[in-house]
Every structure is written in structure tokens, then in C-alpha cells.
Amino acid sequence: MRLRILLVGVVVLSVLWAIVPAGSPATPLTDVQMKLQETQDKLGKKKGTARLLTSQISKYNREIARLQGDITTLGTRQTRLEADLARKQAVLSATQSSLRHERARLITMRAKFKRAQRILARRLKELYQSDRPDLVTVILNSKGFADLLEREEFISRISDQDRDVITAVRNARRDAKQSAARLSSLQRQQKDVALAVMARRDEIAATRDRLIDRRVGFNSTKAGKARALRGVLSDANELEGKRDDLAQQEAKIQAALQGTNVGTLPAGPVKAGSGQLIWPVNGPITSPFCERRAWEACHPGIDIGVPTGTPIRAAAAGTVALTQSSGASGGYGNFTCIAHSSSLSTCYAHQSSIGVRTGQTVTQGQVIGISGCTGRCYGPHLHFEVRINGAVTNPVNYL
């Protein structure tokens, strides 16, 4: 008898030794839990990066909107510059036309003046040869040809015919000087207008270049951020799938280690927080409120990671307003909602089984169902919602 007991003990020890190798503290559960934590950490970083990129994209959207306002303002300014440029070009054209006219007139006046000079020179020679000493004295006493034309004594001593010649020469000289002055003024005016036109053109070109550079720069940066965000969201979706698979493995291992069947796990102590509701189950938040997913822009509740078979407690006293099977609720699986007041209600999704009926009154902490993974679910957990007047809100604010 003692020998039989000894043999049984040896067999049991051998089996235990085969299951848990000596010197190795790791177990399948701890290994899965470590991988789950590592995946959760990576997912948290990816979501943090996604939030940062989303914020940066929003900032660039605001900058682009502000830039668009600047573009509109600069566009109006550019229109005014183009109108002013057209006016300056019209002035330039008129100035160039006047300049051509004055140049032609100056050539005519100079030719006329030269003819008058030749006639006057010939006549002076004739007067000198006529041996009129008083007239010769006047000519010799003059300081030059221009002075001679202005001497009244000289004009009074010559004949009417000569006087006409002298007057013509004097007028031609005066007209030539006035034309030269006008020509000089028009040349300066042409230069000023040309410089103004060129300055306006340069300003318009610079304005257009600034608009193009700023728009291209902002759009390029925004596009880069958007590409990065798509990559991060894709990585986050893959990590979510991996996390859900690991959570399911963890639940299976825990159920196997505890040797329990679905629905027989202990309810555990009530977990209360600082809010008016208690936690429906004790477990970590695996998905926060309004998390972005591939199939929804805002996750309408929080996911609390617990093994299949965990009892679910009512977060507060109230009346069961809705119970739906997995076939009726769709992605929510087995689904229950409890009305706590005229405005506040809570909902519980993905249950393996529902433990209450519609219209039933429940107390806070009462078990209303068993957790599982029914409906659209990738691992056992409880999806918990808080609704105010029917609209979802962050449950953490009430726990």
C-alpha cells in the first residue's frame, strides 16, 4: 500500500515537472499577458502619434484657411496694381508720342534756324561791304551773334527786309531753345514713368510668387502629415486586431487555469470610483471612449477587458429598458440597457448571456448578465456605454 502511494506521488511529480520546467518562471499566461501589455503600449503610442498628427493637420488647415484670406486680399491688391499699371502704360504711350513730336519739331526748328543763320550771314556781309561805318561799329561792338540779334540799335539801323530776317532768326533761335527744354522735360518724364511701370510689374510678380510658394508649401506639408496619419491609423488597426487576439488567448488560459465553465466566474468585489456609477466589471480599459476605428469614426463607449464568464453588475439602480439578442442588435451582440433616471442610462454589450428582462427593476451592483464575445467582437470584453438623453458620452466621467 505504501509502495503504491509512493509510486503515485512520483508520477504526479513527474507530470508537474513536465508541465512547469524547473528554473523557468514563465508560463503561457504570463507570456500572453506580457505580449498583450507590449501590444497595448505600442497601440497607445500609435494613438498618441495619431492624435498629434490630427492636431497638426488641423493646425495646417487653419493656416491654409488664413492663407486663403491673405490670397484673397493680395488678389484684390494685384487687381488694383494691374489697373494702375494700365494707367501708367497709357501715360507712357502719350509721353512717347509727345516725345516723338517734339523731336521732329526740334529738328524742324534747328533746320529753320540754320537757314535763317545763313541768310543773316549773307546779309551782314552785304552790309559790311556797303561801307556803312555806324552799322559795322554796332556789329563789332556786339559780344556775339546772339547779342547782336538782341541789340535794338542794330535792329533800328537795318532795313525792313533785314529786320524781317533778323526777327525770323531770333524767333527760330527761341523756338529751338524752347523745344530743347520741352524735349529734356519729356525725356525725364519718360524715364520716371518707365521706372514706375517696371516697379509695379516687379511688385506684381513678387506678389504672385509669394502666393504660389506659400500655397505649395502648406499643401505639401499637409499632404505629408495626412500620409503619415494614414500609416499610423493602419498600424493602430493591426495592433488592435493583435491585442484582441491576445486578450482572447488570455481569457482562454485564465478559464483553463481556474478550471471553470462559462458563467461560473466569481463576481468579485464592487469597484467604485469618484462618480455616481460603479464599474460593471473589474478590468483594464482596452479601448477608450471615441477611439477611431476602421469601421467607425468614434467608438461610442469604453471596452473593459475581462475573461468570458465574468458576471456583469448594474452600474446603478434602475429599470431595464432594453434587452436584445445578438441577432437583433447586430454588432452589439447580446445587449442590455438600463434607465437610471429620465436622462441617464447605461448599456452593456457583447454578453455571452443576459440575466435580466425588459421592465425589471435592478439595484446597483446586481448581476445582470455574463461577459463574453458576441456580435462584432475580437476577444472577450464588456462594451460599456453611458447615455445622456440618448446621446453617448464618456463613461469615465461617471465612474
Protein backbone atom coordinates (compact mmCIF):
# COMPACT_ATOMS: atom_id res chain seq x y z
CA MET A 1 0.00 0.00 0.00
CA ARG A 2 2.78 2.39 0.94
CA LEU A 3 4.64 1.42 -2.23
CA ARG A 4 1.52 2.23 -4.34
CA ILE A 5 1.19 5.68 -2.71
CA LEU A 6 4.86 6.34 -3.31
CA LEU A 7 4.57 5.42 -6.99
CA VAL A 8 1.53 7.69 -7.44
CA GLY A 9 3.46 10.59 -5.86
CA VAL A 10 6.37 10.02 -8.22
CA VAL A 11 4.05 10.04 -11.27
CA VAL A 12 2.33 13.28 -10.12
CA LEU A 13 5.67 14.98 -9.56
CA SER A 14 6.85 13.84 -12.98
CA VAL A 15 3.76 15.28 -14.65
CA LEU A 16 4.13 18.58 -12.80
CA TRP A 17 7.80 18.69 -13.69
CA ALA A 18 6.93 18.20 -17.38
CA ILE A 19 4.27 20.90 -17.28
CA VAL A 20 6.37 23.54 -15.46
CA PRO A 21 10.09 23.19 -16.31
CA ALA A 22 12.47 23.80 -13.43
CA GLY A 23 14.17 27.19 -13.31
CA SER A 24 11.70 28.79 -15.78
CA PRO A 25 9.23 31.17 -14.13
CA ALA A 26 7.45 31.97 -17.40
CA THR A 27 4.02 30.46 -18.05
CA PRO A 28 1.73 30.64 -21.09
CA LEU A 29 -0.47 33.11 -19.20
CA THR A 30 2.36 35.46 -18.22
CA ASP A 31 3.80 35.21 -21.74
CA VAL A 32 0.47 36.22 -23.27
CA GLN A 33 -0.02 38.93 -20.68
CA MET A 34 3.45 40.36 -21.43
CA LYS A 35 2.72 40.34 -25.16
CA LEU A 36 -0.68 41.89 -24.50
CA GLN A 37 0.90 44.67 -22.42
CA GLU A 38 3.58 45.25 -25.04
CA THR A 39 0.96 45.44 -27.78
CA GLN A 40 -1.17 47.77 -25.65
CA ASP A 41 1.86 50.05 -25.10
CA LYS A 42 2.61 50.14 -28.82
CA LEU A 43 -1.04 50.84 -29.57
CA GLY A 44 -1.03 53.69 -27.04
CA LYS A 45 2.00 55.24 -28.72
CA LYS A 46 0.42 54.89 -32.15
CA LYS A 47 -2.77 56.53 -30.92
CA GLY A 48 -0.74 59.31 -29.32
CA THR A 49 1.04 59.86 -32.62
CA ALA A 50 -2.30 59.82 -34.46
CA ARG A 51 -3.69 62.47 -32.09
CA LEU A 52 -0.59 64.60 -32.60
CA LEU A 53 -0.79 64.29 -36.40
CA THR A 54 -4.51 65.04 -36.35
CA SER A 55 -3.81 68.15 -34.28
CA GLN A 56 -1.04 69.21 -36.67
CA ILE A 57 -3.27 68.65 -39.70
CA SER A 58 -5.98 70.76 -38.04
CA LYS A 59 -3.37 73.46 -37.45
CA TYR A 60 -2.33 73.39 -41.10
CA ASN A 61 -5.97 73.53 -42.14
CA ARG A 62 -6.33 76.70 -40.07
CA GLU A 63 -3.13 78.10 -41.56
CA ILE A 64 -4.33 77.29 -45.09
CA ALA A 65 -7.66 78.97 -44.35
CA ARG A 66 -5.80 82.05 -43.07
CA LEU A 67 -3.54 81.91 -46.12
CA GLN A 68 -6.60 81.79 -48.36
CA GLY A 69 -7.75 85.03 -46.75
CA ASP A 70 -4.33 86.54 -47.47
CA ILE A 71 -4.55 85.28 -51.05
CA THR A 72 -7.92 86.98 -51.48
CA THR A 73 -6.52 90.24 -50.07
CA LEU A 74 -3.42 90.04 -52.26
CA GLY A 75 -5.57 89.19 -55.26
CA THR A 76 -7.56 92.40 -54.73
CA ARG A 77 -4.31 94.32 -54.38
CA GLN A 78 -2.97 92.71 -57.54
CA THR A 79 -6.09 93.80 -59.44
CA ARG A 80 -5.51 97.39 -58.29
CA LEU A 81 -1.86 97.17 -59.32
CA GLU A 82 -2.79 95.92 -62.77
CA ALA A 83 -5.27 98.79 -63.20
CA ASP A 84 -2.62 101.28 -62.10
CA LEU A 85 -0.14 99.64 -64.43
CA ALA A 86 -2.57 100.10 -67.33
CA ARG A 87 -2.87 103.80 -66.46
CA LYS A 88 0.90 104.19 -66.25
CA GLN A 89 1.30 102.46 -69.60
CA ALA A 90 -1.23 104.88 -71.14
CA VAL A 91 0.73 107.83 -69.73
CA LEU A 92 3.93 106.30 -71.08
CA SER A 93 2.42 105.88 -74.53
CA ALA A 94 1.21 109.51 -74.54
CA THR A 95 4.64 110.70 -73.33
CA GLN A 96 6.41 108.73 -76.02
CA SER A 97 4.09 110.21 -78.65
CA SER A 98 4.78 113.75 -77.37
CA LEU A 99 8.47 112.98 -77.31
CA ARG A 100 8.44 111.90 -80.95
CA HIS A 101 6.53 115.07 -81.87
CA GLU A 102 8.97 117.32 -80.00
CA ARG A 103 11.94 115.60 -81.55
CA ALA A 104 10.52 116.14 -85.02
CA ARG A 105 9.68 119.77 -84.19
CA LEU A 106 13.18 120.35 -82.79
CA ILE A 107 14.71 119.01 -86.00
CA THR A 108 12.49 121.40 -87.99
CA MET A 109 13.32 124.34 -85.72
CA ARG A 110 17.04 123.64 -85.95
CA ALA A 111 16.86 123.41 -89.74
CA LYS A 112 14.87 126.66 -89.87
CA PHE A 113 17.37 128.33 -87.54
CA LYS A 114 20.31 127.26 -89.69
CA ARG A 115 18.63 128.63 -92.81
CA ALA A 116 17.99 131.93 -91.03
CA GLN A 117 21.64 131.99 -89.90
CA ARG A 118 22.85 131.56 -93.48
CA ILE A 119 20.58 134.31 -94.73
CA LEU A 120 21.65 136.67 -91.93
CA ALA A 121 25.32 135.95 -92.51
CA ARG A 122 24.98 136.73 -96.17
CA ARG A 123 23.13 139.96 -95.39
CA LEU A 124 25.70 141.06 -92.80
CA LYS A 125 28.40 140.52 -95.38
CA GLU A 126 26.49 142.71 -97.81
CA LEU A 127 26.06 145.39 -95.12
CA TYR A 128 29.72 145.29 -94.29
CA GLN A 129 30.66 145.62 -97.94
CA SER A 130 28.27 148.60 -98.35
CA ASP A 131 30.70 150.56 -96.14
CA ARG A 132 28.25 151.78 -93.51
CA PRO A 133 30.61 152.57 -90.63
CA ASP A 134 27.95 153.09 -87.97
CA LEU A 135 26.40 149.66 -88.60
CA VAL A 136 29.81 148.00 -88.76
CA THR A 137 30.65 149.58 -85.41
CA VAL A 138 27.47 148.11 -83.89
CA ILE A 139 28.38 144.68 -85.23
CA LEU A 140 31.94 144.88 -83.98
CA ASN A 141 30.84 146.06 -80.51
CA SER A 142 28.43 143.13 -80.03
CA LYS A 143 29.51 140.24 -77.80
CA GLY A 144 28.41 137.61 -80.23
CA PHE A 145 25.80 136.60 -82.70
CA ALA A 146 23.13 136.15 -80.08
CA ASP A 147 23.88 139.56 -78.54
CA LEU A 148 23.71 141.19 -81.94
CA LEU A 149 20.20 139.87 -82.53
CA GLU A 150 19.01 141.47 -79.33
CA ARG A 151 20.56 144.97 -79.89
CA GLU A 152 17.85 147.50 -80.65
CA GLU A 153 20.46 149.84 -82.19
CA PHE A 154 21.31 147.17 -84.74
CA ILE A 155 17.66 146.44 -85.50
CA SER A 156 16.85 150.14 -85.94
CA ARG A 157 19.73 150.72 -88.41
CA ILE A 158 18.81 147.94 -90.84
CA SER A 159 16.09 147.88 -93.47
CA ASP A 160 12.66 146.34 -93.09
CA GLN A 161 13.74 143.37 -95.15
CA ASP A 162 16.77 142.84 -92.98
CA ARG A 163 14.66 143.33 -89.91
CA ASP A 164 12.35 140.54 -91.03
CA VAL A 165 15.35 138.27 -91.49
CA ILE A 166 16.68 139.12 -88.04
CA THR A 167 13.26 138.56 -86.44
CA ALA A 168 12.95 135.19 -88.16
CA VAL A 169 16.37 134.17 -86.92
CA ARG A 170 15.62 135.33 -83.40
CA ASN A 171 12.27 133.51 -83.31
CA ALA A 172 13.83 130.37 -84.71
CA ARG A 173 16.51 130.50 -82.04
CA ARG A 174 13.94 130.97 -79.28
CA ASP A 175 11.74 128.17 -80.59
CA ALA A 176 14.72 125.87 -80.82
CA LYS A 177 15.65 126.57 -77.19
CA GLN A 178 12.04 126.00 -76.01
CA SER A 179 11.79 122.75 -77.97
CA ALA A 180 15.06 121.57 -76.48
CA ALA A 181 13.76 122.38 -72.96
CA ARG A 182 10.48 120.55 -73.60
CA LEU A 183 12.38 117.60 -75.02
CA SER A 184 14.55 117.41 -71.92
CA SER A 185 11.47 117.52 -69.68
CA LEU A 186 9.71 114.81 -71.68
CA GLN A 187 12.81 112.63 -71.55
CA ARG A 188 12.89 112.90 -67.75
CA GLN A 189 9.16 112.21 -67.59
CA GLN A 190 9.55 109.17 -69.84
CA LYS A 191 12.30 107.81 -67.61
CA ASP A 192 10.22 108.33 -64.43
CA VAL A 193 7.13 106.67 -65.92
CA ALA A 194 9.16 103.76 -67.25
CA LEU A 195 10.70 103.21 -63.81
CA ALA A 196 7.25 103.35 -62.17
CA VAL A 197 5.88 100.81 -64.64
CA MET A 198 8.80 98.47 -64.07
CA ALA A 199 8.44 98.79 -60.28
CA ARG A 200 4.74 97.89 -60.49
CA ARG A 201 5.49 94.91 -62.68
CA ASP A 202 8.14 93.67 -60.24
CA GLU A 203 5.72 94.10 -57.33
CA ILE A 204 3.01 92.09 -59.08
CA ALA A 205 5.47 89.33 -59.98
CA ALA A 206 6.79 89.17 -56.40
CA THR A 207 3.24 89.03 -55.01
CA ARG A 208 2.34 86.17 -57.35
CA ASP A 209 5.49 84.25 -56.42
CA ARG A 210 4.79 84.62 -52.70
CA LEU A 211 1.25 83.31 -53.15
CA ILE A 212 2.42 80.28 -55.12
CA ASP A 213 5.28 79.45 -52.72
CA ARG A 214 3.13 79.68 -49.58
CA ARG A 215 0.27 77.66 -51.05
CA VAL A 216 2.56 74.91 -52.36
CA GLY A 217 4.45 74.79 -49.06
CA PHE A 218 1.37 74.45 -46.86
CA ASN A 219 -0.36 71.93 -49.13
CA SER A 220 2.80 69.82 -49.39
CA THR A 221 3.28 69.76 -45.61
CA LYS A 222 -0.38 68.96 -45.00
CA ALA A 223 -0.26 66.12 -47.57
CA GLY A 224 2.80 64.66 -45.84
CA LYS A 225 1.10 64.77 -42.44
CA ALA A 226 -2.03 63.15 -43.91
CA ARG A 227 0.06 60.30 -45.41
CA ALA A 228 1.76 59.78 -42.07
CA LEU A 229 -1.61 59.74 -40.28
CA ARG A 230 -2.99 57.10 -42.66
CA GLY A 231 0.06 54.94 -41.99
CA VAL A 232 -0.26 55.33 -38.22
CA LEU A 233 -4.01 54.52 -38.28
CA SER A 234 -3.29 51.43 -40.38
CA ASP A 235 -0.66 50.29 -37.86
CA ALA A 236 -3.07 51.00 -35.00
CA ASN A 237 -5.79 48.87 -36.63
CA GLU A 238 -3.34 45.97 -36.96
CA LEU A 239 -2.30 46.35 -33.32
CA GLU A 240 -5.96 46.40 -32.25
CA GLY A 241 -6.50 43.09 -34.00
CA LYS A 242 -3.40 41.64 -32.39
CA ARG A 243 -4.47 42.98 -28.98
CA ASP A 244 -7.93 41.44 -29.29
CA ASP A 245 -6.43 38.09 -30.27
CA LEU A 246 -4.09 38.18 -27.26
CA ALA A 247 -6.94 39.18 -24.96
CA GLN A 248 -8.91 36.18 -26.19
CA GLN A 249 -5.93 33.90 -25.58
CA GLU A 250 -5.53 35.37 -22.10
CA ALA A 251 -9.19 34.70 -21.29
CA LYS A 252 -8.96 31.11 -22.51
CA ILE A 253 -5.83 30.48 -20.46
CA GLN A 254 -7.36 32.05 -17.34
CA ALA A 255 -10.51 29.96 -17.75
CA ALA A 256 -8.40 26.81 -18.19
CA LEU A 257 -6.24 27.60 -15.17
CA GLN A 258 -9.28 28.31 -12.97
CA GLY A 259 -10.97 25.14 -14.16
CA THR A 260 -14.30 26.94 -14.58
CA ASN A 261 -17.06 26.93 -17.17
CA VAL A 262 -18.57 29.98 -18.80
CA GLY A 263 -20.76 31.90 -16.40
CA THR A 264 -19.24 30.44 -13.23
CA LEU A 265 -16.50 33.03 -12.55
CA PRO A 266 -16.86 34.90 -9.24
CA ALA A 267 -18.45 38.35 -9.42
CA GLY A 268 -15.63 39.85 -7.33
CA PRO A 269 -15.85 42.95 -5.15
CA VAL A 270 -17.76 46.04 -6.24
CA LYS A 271 -15.39 48.61 -7.78
CA ALA A 272 -16.46 52.16 -7.01
CA GLY A 273 -14.86 55.35 -8.27
CA SER A 274 -15.41 59.05 -7.63
CA GLY A 275 -18.54 59.25 -9.80
CA GLN A 276 -22.14 58.20 -9.27
CA LEU A 277 -21.76 54.83 -11.05
CA ILE A 278 -19.83 51.71 -10.04
CA TRP A 279 -17.69 49.75 -12.50
CA PRO A 280 -19.81 46.99 -14.09
CA VAL A 281 -16.75 44.67 -14.13
CA ASN A 282 -13.24 44.84 -12.75
CA GLY A 283 -10.69 45.10 -15.57
CA PRO A 284 -8.48 47.43 -17.60
CA ILE A 285 -9.85 49.77 -20.28
CA THR A 286 -8.67 48.24 -23.55
CA SER A 287 -10.39 50.79 -25.80
CA PRO A 288 -11.11 54.37 -24.66
CA PHE A 289 -14.18 56.42 -25.47
CA CYS A 290 -14.46 57.80 -29.04
CA GLU A 291 -11.49 55.79 -30.29
CA ARG A 292 -11.19 55.89 -34.08
CA ARG A 293 -11.51 52.56 -35.84
CA ALA A 294 -11.58 51.33 -39.42
CA TRP A 295 -15.38 50.89 -39.30
CA GLU A 296 -16.31 53.85 -37.08
CA ALA A 297 -15.05 57.37 -36.51
CA CYS A 298 -15.87 57.37 -32.79
CA HIS A 299 -16.12 54.29 -30.58
CA PRO A 300 -19.33 55.06 -28.59
CA GLY A 301 -18.24 53.61 -25.25
CA ILE A 302 -15.31 52.00 -23.46
CA ASP A 303 -14.14 48.38 -23.67
CA ILE A 304 -13.19 46.74 -20.35
CA GLY A 305 -11.03 43.65 -20.70
CA VAL A 306 -12.37 40.66 -18.71
CA PRO A 307 -12.48 36.91 -19.36
CA THR A 308 -15.56 35.26 -20.79
CA GLY A 309 -17.89 34.28 -17.95
CA THR A 310 -17.29 37.34 -15.75
CA PRO A 311 -20.53 38.47 -14.02
CA ILE A 312 -21.67 41.97 -15.05
CA ARG A 313 -23.10 44.31 -12.39
CA ALA A 314 -25.63 47.11 -12.86
CA ALA A 315 -23.73 50.40 -12.63
CA ALA A 316 -26.66 51.96 -10.72
CA ALA A 317 -30.20 51.14 -9.69
CA GLY A 318 -32.85 51.46 -12.37
CA THR A 319 -35.24 49.75 -14.75
CA VAL A 320 -34.15 47.50 -17.63
CA ALA A 321 -35.24 49.47 -20.69
CA LEU A 322 -33.93 47.17 -23.43
CA THR A 323 -32.66 43.63 -23.92
CA GLN A 324 -31.65 42.38 -27.36
CA SER A 325 -30.18 39.15 -28.60
CA SER A 326 -27.11 39.06 -30.79
CA GLY A 327 -29.27 38.58 -33.88
CA ALA A 328 -31.40 41.65 -33.09
CA SER A 329 -28.66 44.07 -32.03
CA GLY A 330 -26.14 43.31 -34.76
CA GLY A 331 -22.61 44.30 -33.81
CA TYR A 332 -23.53 44.78 -30.11
CA GLY A 333 -24.16 41.06 -29.56
CA ASN A 334 -26.32 40.28 -26.53
CA PHE A 335 -27.21 43.79 -25.41
CA THR A 336 -28.83 45.35 -22.32
CA CYS A 337 -29.70 48.97 -21.46
CA ILE A 338 -30.84 50.22 -18.03
CA ALA A 339 -32.63 53.55 -17.41
CA HIS A 340 -31.46 55.13 -14.15
CA SER A 341 -33.33 58.45 -14.49
CA SER A 342 -35.25 60.42 -17.09
CA SER A 343 -31.92 61.41 -18.73
CA LEU A 344 -29.24 58.90 -17.59
CA SER A 345 -28.95 55.32 -18.87
CA THR A 346 -26.21 52.68 -19.25
CA CYS A 347 -25.75 49.92 -21.83
CA TYR A 348 -23.82 46.62 -21.77
CA ALA A 349 -22.76 44.78 -24.96
CA HIS A 350 -21.12 41.51 -26.19
CA GLN A 351 -22.57 39.46 -23.26
CA SER A 352 -22.44 35.70 -23.50
CA SER A 353 -25.83 35.66 -21.74
CA ILE A 354 -28.38 38.18 -20.42
CA GLY A 355 -29.57 37.73 -16.84
CA VAL A 356 -32.49 40.24 -16.74
CA ARG A 357 -35.64 41.00 -18.68
CA THR A 358 -37.11 44.23 -20.06
CA GLY A 359 -39.06 46.17 -17.41
CA GLN A 360 -37.29 44.52 -14.50
CA THR A 361 -36.12 46.73 -11.62
CA VAL A 362 -32.49 46.22 -10.61
CA THR A 363 -30.34 47.50 -7.77
CA GLN A 364 -26.84 48.93 -8.01
CA GLY A 365 -24.30 46.08 -8.11
CA GLN A 366 -26.88 43.43 -9.06
CA VAL A 367 -25.58 40.87 -11.60
CA ILE A 368 -27.45 41.49 -14.88
CA GLY A 369 -25.51 39.24 -17.28
CA ILE A 370 -22.31 37.35 -18.10
CA SER A 371 -19.46 38.75 -20.23
CA GLY A 372 -18.42 37.13 -23.49
CA CYS A 373 -17.69 37.94 -27.11
CA THR A 374 -20.93 38.02 -29.08
CA GLY A 375 -21.65 40.33 -32.03
CA ARG A 376 -18.76 42.24 -33.63
CA CYS A 377 -16.05 41.23 -31.21
CA TYR A 378 -12.41 40.14 -31.46
CA GLY A 379 -11.88 39.00 -27.89
CA PRO A 380 -13.85 38.71 -24.64
CA HIS A 381 -14.60 42.06 -23.01
CA LEU A 382 -17.50 44.23 -21.87
CA HIS A 383 -18.51 47.18 -24.04
CA PHE A 384 -19.96 49.77 -21.62
CA GLU A 385 -21.84 52.93 -22.59
CA VAL A 386 -23.28 55.89 -20.71
CA ARG A 387 -26.03 57.85 -22.46
CA ILE A 388 -27.45 61.26 -21.56
CA ASN A 389 -30.83 61.86 -23.19
CA GLY A 390 -29.97 59.06 -25.59
CA ALA A 391 -26.61 60.52 -26.70
CA VAL A 392 -23.40 58.67 -25.82
CA THR A 393 -20.89 60.36 -23.55
CA ASN A 394 -17.59 59.36 -21.93
CA PRO A 395 -18.40 56.75 -19.22
CA VAL A 396 -15.17 57.54 -17.33
CA ASN A 397 -16.70 60.87 -16.27
CA TYR A 398 -19.37 58.96 -14.30
CA LEU A 399 -17.34 56.11 -12.82
